[in-house]
Amino acid sequence: MKPQQVKINTFLGGGSFGRRASTTADWTAEMAQVVKAISGRAPVHVVWTREDDIKGGFYLPMVLHHVKAGIGTDGQIAGWQHSVVSKSIFKGAAVEAMVMKGGVDNSMVEDVVDTPYGIGNLTVQIHYIETPVSVLWFRSVGNTHTAYVMETRLDELAHHAGKDPVAYRLDLLSKQPRYAEAVKLAADKSGWGRPIGSGRSRGFAFHHSFNTSVAMVADVSLNAANLQVERIVAAVDCEVAIDPDVVAAQVEGAIGFALAIPLRNQITFKEGLVAKYLR
């Protein structure tokens, strides 16, 4: 068939960001108002514009982490104190009773309390705050911020211990050989340890959540004030991959999504309303 003989009908798909768990059900109320306004003459399909969705949506809460860690003379972690301050994304949600046990929102400290790294003398605290900004989950829930804090802190400790960041992580994963394989694969495929060239740096991170291990290496260049991510190498162990192409697409999309957050996305509130956003 010739290309002009093919017609593709593209259907809208939701972002699947968990908004249905909202306690306000604002889109349902809006649809009911439309149905009432037309006296139920026809089926109603409510679709928000992207602009309205950003201005009237739910957001990942601001989170403050305070970590105090010590290393021994051998460079190993001797103790780790971790405090997390945030608004709970589950408090007041329809699934609160099912998710929060004993008043504890474990999503705030996931990958901290159950870190795969062999960290001894680990203590974790949660402190709740209340804000008028509506919040819900954002992709990987607490992992979106705990992974960042854990990995950047490990980089600092590796630096103070005088050890390579990858080797430091492998030491901490000595009792998790399968997780360690993702670390080794990312290091190997990225050329970790080999010269990268002037004006460029290389960073490493590992995370395990939702039964999936991911290790990534980022090649970054800095020219004046222009920060450029040149390359990302990802090693993923998601156990049985039914369709490898779907897995690759998911990882590629996740990388693009993640890079957009610190490099360009921004939402500014003024007097309780979204005043400005960049995407």
C-alpha atoms as a PDB file:
ATOM      1  CA  MET A   1       0.000   0.000   0.000  1.00  0.00           C
ATOM      2  CA  LYS A   2       1.054   3.568  -0.644  1.00  0.00           C
ATOM      3  CA  PRO A   3       1.379   5.936   2.339  1.00  0.00           C
ATOM      4  CA  GLN A   4      -1.457   8.129   1.045  1.00  0.00           C
ATOM      5  CA  GLN A   5      -3.773   5.113   1.199  1.00  0.00           C
ATOM      6  CA  VAL A   6      -3.315   4.782   4.937  1.00  0.00           C
ATOM      7  CA  LYS A   7      -5.311   6.817   7.447  1.00  0.00           C
ATOM      8  CA  ILE A   8      -4.305   6.735  11.106  1.00  0.00           C
ATOM      9  CA  ASN A   9      -6.921   7.643  13.707  1.00  0.00           C
ATOM     10  CA  THR A  10      -5.146   8.730  16.865  1.00  0.00           C
ATOM     11  CA  PHE A  11      -7.110   8.403  20.090  1.00  0.00           C
ATOM     12  CA  LEU A  12      -6.399  10.504  23.147  1.00  0.00           C
ATOM     13  CA  GLY A  13      -4.931   8.622  26.077  1.00  0.00           C
ATOM     14  CA  GLY A  14      -4.709   9.839  29.642  1.00  0.00           C
ATOM     15  CA  GLY A  15      -1.388  10.290  31.391  1.00  0.00           C
ATOM     16  CA  SER A  16      -2.252   7.620  33.987  1.00  0.00           C
ATOM     17  CA  PHE A  17      -0.738   9.701  36.765  1.00  0.00           C
ATOM     18  CA  GLY A  18      -3.182   8.484  39.395  1.00  0.00           C
ATOM     19  CA  ARG A  19      -5.531  11.460  39.299  1.00  0.00           C
ATOM     20  CA  ARG A  20      -8.575   9.220  39.673  1.00  0.00           C
ATOM     21  CA  ALA A  21      -7.652   8.824  43.337  1.00  0.00           C
ATOM     22  CA  SER A  22      -8.480  12.494  43.937  1.00  0.00           C
ATOM     23  CA  THR A  23     -10.831  13.138  46.849  1.00  0.00           C
ATOM     24  CA  THR A  24     -12.586  15.963  44.995  1.00  0.00           C
ATOM     25  CA  ALA A  25     -13.551  14.109  41.775  1.00  0.00           C
ATOM     26  CA  ASP A  26     -13.633  17.520  40.084  1.00  0.00           C
ATOM     27  CA  TRP A  27     -13.881  16.141  36.563  1.00  0.00           C
ATOM     28  CA  THR A  28     -16.915  14.041  37.551  1.00  0.00           C
ATOM     29  CA  ALA A  29     -18.677  17.084  39.008  1.00  0.00           C
ATOM     30  CA  GLU A  30     -17.830  19.066  35.895  1.00  0.00           C
ATOM     31  CA  MET A  31     -19.257  16.365  33.646  1.00  0.00           C
ATOM     32  CA  ALA A  32     -22.428  16.219  35.748  1.00  0.00           C
ATOM     33  CA  GLN A  33     -22.868  19.974  35.345  1.00  0.00           C
ATOM     34  CA  VAL A  34     -22.575  19.651  31.560  1.00  0.00           C
ATOM     35  CA  VAL A  35     -25.086  16.790  31.467  1.00  0.00           C
ATOM     36  CA  LYS A  36     -27.505  18.878  33.541  1.00  0.00           C
ATOM     37  CA  ALA A  37     -27.004  21.927  31.312  1.00  0.00           C
ATOM     38  CA  ILE A  38     -28.001  19.983  28.175  1.00  0.00           C
ATOM     39  CA  SER A  39     -30.737  18.051  30.000  1.00  0.00           C
ATOM     40  CA  GLY A  40     -29.020  14.771  29.201  1.00  0.00           C
ATOM     41  CA  ARG A  41     -29.683  15.050  25.458  1.00  0.00           C
ATOM     42  CA  ALA A  42     -26.422  13.347  24.486  1.00  0.00           C
ATOM     43  CA  PRO A  43     -23.458  11.465  25.911  1.00  0.00           C
ATOM     44  CA  VAL A  44     -20.790  13.734  27.410  1.00  0.00           C
ATOM     45  CA  HIS A  45     -17.045  13.291  27.136  1.00  0.00           C
ATOM     46  CA  VAL A  46     -15.046  15.831  29.144  1.00  0.00           C
ATOM     47  CA  VAL A  47     -11.461  16.478  28.034  1.00  0.00           C
ATOM     48  CA  TRP A  48      -9.352  19.130  29.714  1.00  0.00           C
ATOM     49  CA  THR A  49      -6.792  21.055  27.708  1.00  0.00           C
ATOM     50  CA  ARG A  50      -3.186  20.530  28.703  1.00  0.00           C
ATOM     51  CA  GLU A  51      -3.097  24.106  29.993  1.00  0.00           C
ATOM     52  CA  ASP A  52      -6.158  23.568  32.198  1.00  0.00           C
ATOM     53  CA  ASP A  53      -4.759  20.279  33.446  1.00  0.00           C
ATOM     54  CA  ILE A  54      -1.511  21.898  34.564  1.00  0.00           C
ATOM     55  CA  LYS A  55      -3.291  24.850  36.165  1.00  0.00           C
ATOM     56  CA  GLY A  56      -5.921  22.769  37.938  1.00  0.00           C
ATOM     57  CA  GLY A  57      -4.152  19.541  38.674  1.00  0.00           C
ATOM     58  CA  PHE A  58      -2.469  17.874  41.611  1.00  0.00           C
ATOM     59  CA  TYR A  59       1.243  18.142  42.255  1.00  0.00           C
ATOM     60  CA  LEU A  60       4.082  16.248  43.826  1.00  0.00           C
ATOM     61  CA  PRO A  61       4.638  17.828  47.250  1.00  0.00           C
ATOM     62  CA  MET A  62       7.793  19.697  48.128  1.00  0.00           C
ATOM     63  CA  VAL A  63       9.984  17.431  50.231  1.00  0.00           C
ATOM     64  CA  LEU A  64      12.875  18.222  52.571  1.00  0.00           C
ATOM     65  CA  HIS A  65      15.447  15.535  53.366  1.00  0.00           C
ATOM     66  CA  HIS A  66      18.046  15.790  56.108  1.00  0.00           C
ATOM     67  CA  VAL A  67      20.698  13.084  56.078  1.00  0.00           C
ATOM     68  CA  LYS A  68      23.561  12.660  58.519  1.00  0.00           C
ATOM     69  CA  ALA A  69      25.941   9.842  57.652  1.00  0.00           C
ATOM     70  CA  GLY A  70      29.315   8.771  58.927  1.00  0.00           C
ATOM     71  CA  ILE A  71      32.095   6.656  57.485  1.00  0.00           C
ATOM     72  CA  GLY A  72      34.716   4.642  59.308  1.00  0.00           C
ATOM     73  CA  THR A  73      38.447   4.567  58.720  1.00  0.00           C
ATOM     74  CA  ASP A  74      37.847   1.787  56.188  1.00  0.00           C
ATOM     75  CA  GLY A  75      35.561   4.066  54.166  1.00  0.00           C
ATOM     76  CA  GLN A  76      32.473   1.997  54.971  1.00  0.00           C
ATOM     77  CA  ILE A  77      29.247   3.622  56.164  1.00  0.00           C
ATOM     78  CA  ALA A  78      29.164   3.542  59.964  1.00  0.00           C
ATOM     79  CA  GLY A  79      25.722   5.080  60.462  1.00  0.00           C
ATOM     80  CA  TRP A  80      22.899   6.790  58.600  1.00  0.00           C
ATOM     81  CA  GLN A  81      20.243   9.126  60.071  1.00  0.00           C
ATOM     82  CA  HIS A  82      17.549  10.155  57.623  1.00  0.00           C
ATOM     83  CA  SER A  83      14.641  12.557  58.209  1.00  0.00           C
ATOM     84  CA  VAL A  84      11.945  13.355  55.640  1.00  0.00           C
ATOM     85  CA  VAL A  85       9.544  16.306  55.883  1.00  0.00           C
ATOM     86  CA  SER A  86       6.616  16.435  53.460  1.00  0.00           C
ATOM     87  CA  LYS A  87       2.890  16.625  52.942  1.00  0.00           C
ATOM     88  CA  SER A  88       1.463  13.113  52.643  1.00  0.00           C
ATOM     89  CA  ILE A  89       0.078  12.226  49.218  1.00  0.00           C
ATOM     90  CA  PHE A  90      -2.161   9.538  50.718  1.00  0.00           C
ATOM     91  CA  LYS A  91      -3.659  11.421  53.648  1.00  0.00           C
ATOM     92  CA  GLY A  92      -7.251  12.180  52.727  1.00  0.00           C
ATOM     93  CA  ALA A  93      -7.129  10.044  49.577  1.00  0.00           C
ATOM     94  CA  ALA A  94      -9.613   7.253  48.925  1.00  0.00           C
ATOM     95  CA  VAL A  95      -6.909   4.646  49.568  1.00  0.00           C
ATOM     96  CA  GLU A  96      -5.640   6.174  52.837  1.00  0.00           C
ATOM     97  CA  ALA A  97      -6.945   3.368  55.063  1.00  0.00           C
ATOM     98  CA  MET A  98      -5.437   0.730  52.798  1.00  0.00           C
ATOM     99  CA  VAL A  99      -2.044   2.371  52.296  1.00  0.00           C
ATOM    100  CA  MET A 100      -1.277   4.183  55.562  1.00  0.00           C
ATOM    101  CA  LYS A 101      -0.746   1.784  58.442  1.00  0.00           C
ATOM    102  CA  GLY A 102      -0.545   3.235  61.933  1.00  0.00           C
ATOM    103  CA  GLY A 103      -0.618   6.714  60.450  1.00  0.00           C
ATOM    104  CA  VAL A 104       2.637   6.136  58.558  1.00  0.00           C
ATOM    105  CA  ASP A 105       2.909   7.077  54.884  1.00  0.00           C
ATOM    106  CA  ASN A 106       5.588   4.653  53.749  1.00  0.00           C
ATOM    107  CA  SER A 107       5.663   6.222  50.292  1.00  0.00           C
ATOM    108  CA  MET A 108       7.563   9.155  51.806  1.00  0.00           C
ATOM    109  CA  VAL A 109      10.498   6.922  52.750  1.00  0.00           C
ATOM    110  CA  GLU A 110      10.399   4.091  50.220  1.00  0.00           C
ATOM    111  CA  ASP A 111      13.899   3.093  49.107  1.00  0.00           C
ATOM    112  CA  VAL A 112      15.202   4.565  52.353  1.00  0.00           C
ATOM    113  CA  VAL A 113      13.736   2.173  54.924  1.00  0.00           C
ATOM    114  CA  ASP A 114      14.035  -0.720  52.454  1.00  0.00           C
ATOM    115  CA  THR A 115      17.203   0.324  50.653  1.00  0.00           C
ATOM    116  CA  PRO A 116      18.998  -2.576  48.937  1.00  0.00           C
ATOM    117  CA  TYR A 117      22.325  -1.113  50.033  1.00  0.00           C
ATOM    118  CA  GLY A 118      23.956  -2.768  53.023  1.00  0.00           C
ATOM    119  CA  ILE A 119      23.788   0.238  55.344  1.00  0.00           C
ATOM    120  CA  GLY A 120      24.077  -0.502  59.044  1.00  0.00           C
ATOM    121  CA  ASN A 121      22.784   1.630  61.934  1.00  0.00           C
ATOM    122  CA  LEU A 122      20.036   3.111  59.768  1.00  0.00           C
ATOM    123  CA  THR A 123      17.337   5.262  61.384  1.00  0.00           C
ATOM    124  CA  VAL A 124      14.515   6.963  59.483  1.00  0.00           C
ATOM    125  CA  GLN A 125      12.006   9.598  60.622  1.00  0.00           C
ATOM    126  CA  ILE A 126       8.891  11.053  58.966  1.00  0.00           C
ATOM    127  CA  HIS A 127       7.505  14.512  59.729  1.00  0.00           C
ATOM    128  CA  TYR A 128       4.203  15.633  58.228  1.00  0.00           C
ATOM    129  CA  ILE A 129       3.309  19.157  57.172  1.00  0.00           C
ATOM    130  CA  GLU A 130       0.103  20.642  55.793  1.00  0.00           C
ATOM    131  CA  THR A 131      -0.074  23.024  52.834  1.00  0.00           C
ATOM    132  CA  PRO A 132      -2.989  24.340  50.750  1.00  0.00           C
ATOM    133  CA  VAL A 133      -1.449  22.969  47.536  1.00  0.00           C
ATOM    134  CA  SER A 134      -3.293  19.864  46.330  1.00  0.00           C
ATOM    135  CA  VAL A 135      -0.957  16.883  46.010  1.00  0.00           C
ATOM    136  CA  LEU A 136      -1.023  13.369  44.620  1.00  0.00           C
ATOM    137  CA  TRP A 137       1.513  10.884  43.317  1.00  0.00           C
ATOM    138  CA  PHE A 138       3.860  11.564  40.467  1.00  0.00           C
ATOM    139  CA  ARG A 139       5.034   8.491  38.583  1.00  0.00           C
ATOM    140  CA  SER A 140       7.114   6.566  41.106  1.00  0.00           C
ATOM    141  CA  VAL A 141       5.664   8.274  44.162  1.00  0.00           C
ATOM    142  CA  GLY A 142       8.325   8.603  46.903  1.00  0.00           C
ATOM    143  CA  ASN A 143      11.020   7.074  44.731  1.00  0.00           C
ATOM    144  CA  THR A 144      11.073  10.296  42.712  1.00  0.00           C
ATOM    145  CA  HIS A 145      12.841  12.095  45.559  1.00  0.00           C
ATOM    146  CA  THR A 146      14.282   9.353  47.792  1.00  0.00           C
ATOM    147  CA  ALA A 147      16.339   7.865  44.941  1.00  0.00           C
ATOM    148  CA  TYR A 148      17.886  11.249  44.216  1.00  0.00           C
ATOM    149  CA  VAL A 149      18.807  11.865  47.849  1.00  0.00           C
ATOM    150  CA  MET A 150      20.203   8.376  48.431  1.00  0.00           C
ATOM    151  CA  GLU A 151      22.344   8.454  45.303  1.00  0.00           C
ATOM    152  CA  THR A 152      23.741  11.956  45.711  1.00  0.00           C
ATOM    153  CA  ARG A 153      24.595  11.232  49.348  1.00  0.00           C
ATOM    154  CA  LEU A 154      26.361   8.012  48.321  1.00  0.00           C
ATOM    155  CA  ASP A 155      28.409   9.998  45.810  1.00  0.00           C
ATOM    156  CA  GLU A 156      29.494  12.352  48.597  1.00  0.00           C
ATOM    157  CA  LEU A 157      30.434   9.474  50.880  1.00  0.00           C
ATOM    158  CA  ALA A 158      32.379   7.744  48.102  1.00  0.00           C
ATOM    159  CA  HIS A 159      34.259  10.994  47.524  1.00  0.00           C
ATOM    160  CA  HIS A 160      35.133  11.358  51.218  1.00  0.00           C
ATOM    161  CA  ALA A 161      36.183   7.697  51.348  1.00  0.00           C
ATOM    162  CA  GLY A 162      38.403   8.171  48.292  1.00  0.00           C
ATOM    163  CA  LYS A 163      36.638   5.404  46.380  1.00  0.00           C
ATOM    164  CA  ASP A 164      35.201   5.087  42.889  1.00  0.00           C
ATOM    165  CA  PRO A 165      31.392   5.663  42.969  1.00  0.00           C
ATOM    166  CA  VAL A 166      30.636   2.423  41.122  1.00  0.00           C
ATOM    167  CA  ALA A 167      32.984   0.338  43.271  1.00  0.00           C
ATOM    168  CA  TYR A 168      31.481   1.957  46.377  1.00  0.00           C
ATOM    169  CA  ARG A 169      27.976   0.910  45.327  1.00  0.00           C
ATOM    170  CA  LEU A 170      29.083  -2.609  44.467  1.00  0.00           C
ATOM    171  CA  ASP A 171      30.525  -2.979  47.973  1.00  0.00           C
ATOM    172  CA  LEU A 172      27.164  -1.948  49.422  1.00  0.00           C
ATOM    173  CA  LEU A 173      25.364  -4.421  47.118  1.00  0.00           C
ATOM    174  CA  SER A 174      27.597  -7.377  48.004  1.00  0.00           C
ATOM    175  CA  LYS A 175      24.556  -9.248  49.372  1.00  0.00           C
ATOM    176  CA  GLN A 176      22.404  -8.307  46.371  1.00  0.00           C
ATOM    177  CA  PRO A 177      24.241  -9.953  43.448  1.00  0.00           C
ATOM    178  CA  ARG A 178      21.371  -9.571  40.986  1.00  0.00           C
ATOM    179  CA  TYR A 179      21.066  -5.854  41.650  1.00  0.00           C
ATOM    180  CA  ALA A 180      24.823  -5.536  41.310  1.00  0.00           C
ATOM    181  CA  GLU A 181      24.657  -6.937  37.777  1.00  0.00           C
ATOM    182  CA  ALA A 182      22.701  -3.880  36.618  1.00  0.00           C
ATOM    183  CA  VAL A 183      25.404  -1.655  38.087  1.00  0.00           C
ATOM    184  CA  LYS A 184      28.157  -3.634  36.352  1.00  0.00           C
ATOM    185  CA  LEU A 185      26.338  -3.629  33.015  1.00  0.00           C
ATOM    186  CA  ALA A 186      25.758   0.134  33.004  1.00  0.00           C
ATOM    187  CA  ALA A 187      29.380   0.760  33.964  1.00  0.00           C
ATOM    188  CA  ASP A 188      30.625  -1.561  31.212  1.00  0.00           C
ATOM    189  CA  LYS A 189      28.406  -0.236  28.408  1.00  0.00           C
ATOM    190  CA  SER A 190      29.090   3.391  29.294  1.00  0.00           C
ATOM    191  CA  GLY A 191      32.857   3.016  29.390  1.00  0.00           C
ATOM    192  CA  TRP A 192      33.001   3.964  33.052  1.00  0.00           C
ATOM    193  CA  GLY A 193      36.546   4.560  34.200  1.00  0.00           C
ATOM    194  CA  ARG A 194      37.810   5.510  30.751  1.00  0.00           C
ATOM    195  CA  PRO A 195      38.676   9.131  29.794  1.00  0.00           C
ATOM    196  CA  ILE A 196      35.631  11.174  28.778  1.00  0.00           C
ATOM    197  CA  GLY A 197      37.305  14.302  27.401  1.00  0.00           C
ATOM    198  CA  SER A 198      37.723  17.861  28.614  1.00  0.00           C
ATOM    199  CA  GLY A 199      34.698  19.895  29.561  1.00  0.00           C
ATOM    200  CA  ARG A 200      32.640  16.794  30.294  1.00  0.00           C
ATOM    201  CA  SER A 201      31.777  14.828  33.417  1.00  0.00           C
ATOM    202  CA  ARG A 202      30.153  11.492  34.067  1.00  0.00           C
ATOM    203  CA  GLY A 203      27.711  10.566  36.829  1.00  0.00           C
ATOM    204  CA  PHE A 204      26.320   7.260  38.040  1.00  0.00           C
ATOM    205  CA  ALA A 205      23.116   6.256  39.830  1.00  0.00           C
ATOM    206  CA  PHE A 206      21.347   3.028  40.777  1.00  0.00           C
ATOM    207  CA  HIS A 207      17.833   2.431  42.040  1.00  0.00           C
ATOM    208  CA  HIS A 208      15.548  -0.506  42.722  1.00  0.00           C
ATOM    209  CA  SER A 209      11.771  -0.140  42.919  1.00  0.00           C
ATOM    210  CA  PHE A 210       8.674  -2.008  41.763  1.00  0.00           C
ATOM    211  CA  ASN A 211      10.721  -5.194  41.263  1.00  0.00           C
ATOM    212  CA  THR A 212      12.984  -3.432  38.781  1.00  0.00           C
ATOM    213  CA  SER A 213      16.667  -2.530  39.032  1.00  0.00           C
ATOM    214  CA  VAL A 214      17.922   0.421  36.999  1.00  0.00           C
ATOM    215  CA  ALA A 215      21.455   1.769  36.722  1.00  0.00           C
ATOM    216  CA  MET A 216      22.227   4.837  34.626  1.00  0.00           C
ATOM    217  CA  VAL A 217      25.295   6.748  33.552  1.00  0.00           C
ATOM    218  CA  ALA A 218      25.002  10.361  32.405  1.00  0.00           C
ATOM    219  CA  ASP A 219      27.585  12.167  30.306  1.00  0.00           C
ATOM    220  CA  VAL A 220      27.229  15.898  30.951  1.00  0.00           C
ATOM    221  CA  SER A 221      29.003  18.921  29.494  1.00  0.00           C
ATOM    222  CA  LEU A 222      29.106  22.463  30.820  1.00  0.00           C
ATOM    223  CA  ASN A 223      29.863  25.413  28.577  1.00  0.00           C
ATOM    224  CA  ALA A 224      29.581  28.691  30.483  1.00  0.00           C
ATOM    225  CA  ALA A 225      26.079  28.475  31.965  1.00  0.00           C
ATOM    226  CA  ASN A 226      24.835  25.960  29.413  1.00  0.00           C
ATOM    227  CA  LEU A 227      24.383  22.509  30.932  1.00  0.00           C
ATOM    228  CA  GLN A 228      24.002  19.779  28.328  1.00  0.00           C
ATOM    229  CA  VAL A 229      23.234  16.104  28.917  1.00  0.00           C
ATOM    230  CA  GLU A 230      25.125  14.450  26.075  1.00  0.00           C
ATOM    231  CA  ARG A 231      24.289  10.808  26.647  1.00  0.00           C
ATOM    232  CA  ILE A 232      22.442   8.477  29.007  1.00  0.00           C
ATOM    233  CA  VAL A 233      23.311   4.789  29.261  1.00  0.00           C
ATOM    234  CA  ALA A 234      20.722   2.680  31.072  1.00  0.00           C
ATOM    235  CA  ALA A 235      20.877  -0.917  32.293  1.00  0.00           C
ATOM    236  CA  VAL A 236      17.502  -2.335  33.331  1.00  0.00           C
ATOM    237  CA  ASP A 237      16.549  -5.613  34.997  1.00  0.00           C
ATOM    238  CA  CYS A 238      12.744  -5.805  35.084  1.00  0.00           C
ATOM    239  CA  GLU A 239      12.757  -9.593  35.423  1.00  0.00           C
ATOM    240  CA  VAL A 240      10.720 -11.159  32.563  1.00  0.00           C
ATOM    241  CA  ALA A 241      10.442  -8.744  29.616  1.00  0.00           C
ATOM    242  CA  ILE A 242       7.354  -9.806  27.670  1.00  0.00           C
ATOM    243  CA  ASP A 243       8.037  -7.235  24.941  1.00  0.00           C
ATOM    244  CA  PRO A 244      11.565  -5.772  24.972  1.00  0.00           C
ATOM    245  CA  ASP A 245      10.495  -2.943  22.648  1.00  0.00           C
ATOM    246  CA  VAL A 246       7.916  -1.772  25.178  1.00  0.00           C
ATOM    247  CA  VAL A 247      10.533  -1.901  27.938  1.00  0.00           C
ATOM    248  CA  ALA A 248      12.952   0.160  25.834  1.00  0.00           C
ATOM    249  CA  ALA A 249      10.229   2.699  25.036  1.00  0.00           C
ATOM    250  CA  GLN A 250       9.294   2.970  28.705  1.00  0.00           C
ATOM    251  CA  VAL A 251      12.899   3.608  29.722  1.00  0.00           C
ATOM    252  CA  GLU A 252      13.478   6.133  26.926  1.00  0.00           C
ATOM    253  CA  GLY A 253      10.299   7.978  27.871  1.00  0.00           C
ATOM    254  CA  ALA A 254      11.254   7.928  31.548  1.00  0.00           C
ATOM    255  CA  ILE A 255      14.659   9.433  30.775  1.00  0.00           C
ATOM    256  CA  GLY A 256      13.092  12.247  28.746  1.00  0.00           C
ATOM    257  CA  PHE A 257      10.492  12.824  31.443  1.00  0.00           C
ATOM    258  CA  ALA A 258      13.141  12.925  34.166  1.00  0.00           C
ATOM    259  CA  LEU A 259      15.467  15.281  32.286  1.00  0.00           C
ATOM    260  CA  ALA A 260      12.634  17.736  31.697  1.00  0.00           C
ATOM    261  CA  ILE A 261      11.927  18.106  35.414  1.00  0.00           C
ATOM    262  CA  PRO A 262      15.209  19.741  36.539  1.00  0.00           C
ATOM    263  CA  LEU A 263      16.197  21.282  33.211  1.00  0.00           C
ATOM    264  CA  ARG A 264      13.033  23.004  32.028  1.00  0.00           C
ATOM    265  CA  ASN A 265       9.696  22.199  33.712  1.00  0.00           C
ATOM    266  CA  GLN A 266       8.489  24.751  36.245  1.00  0.00           C
ATOM    267  CA  ILE A 267       5.223  25.728  37.925  1.00  0.00           C
ATOM    268  CA  THR A 268       4.911  28.982  39.886  1.00  0.00           C
ATOM    269  CA  PHE A 269       2.007  29.724  42.244  1.00  0.00           C
ATOM    270  CA  LYS A 270       0.709  33.184  43.110  1.00  0.00           C
ATOM    271  CA  GLU A 271      -2.164  33.758  45.546  1.00  0.00           C
ATOM    272  CA  GLY A 272      -3.212  30.125  45.288  1.00  0.00           C
ATOM    273  CA  LEU A 273      -3.306  29.949  41.501  1.00  0.00           C
ATOM    274  CA  VAL A 274      -0.833  28.773  38.885  1.00  0.00           C
ATOM    275  CA  ALA A 275       0.688  31.982  37.572  1.00  0.00           C
ATOM    276  CA  LYS A 276       3.330  30.554  35.266  1.00  0.00           C
ATOM    277  CA  TYR A 277       4.431  27.221  33.937  1.00  0.00           C
ATOM    278  CA  LEU A 278       7.130  26.016  31.573  1.00  0.00           C
ATOM    279  CA  ARG A 279       7.136  22.637  29.878  1.00  0.00           C
END
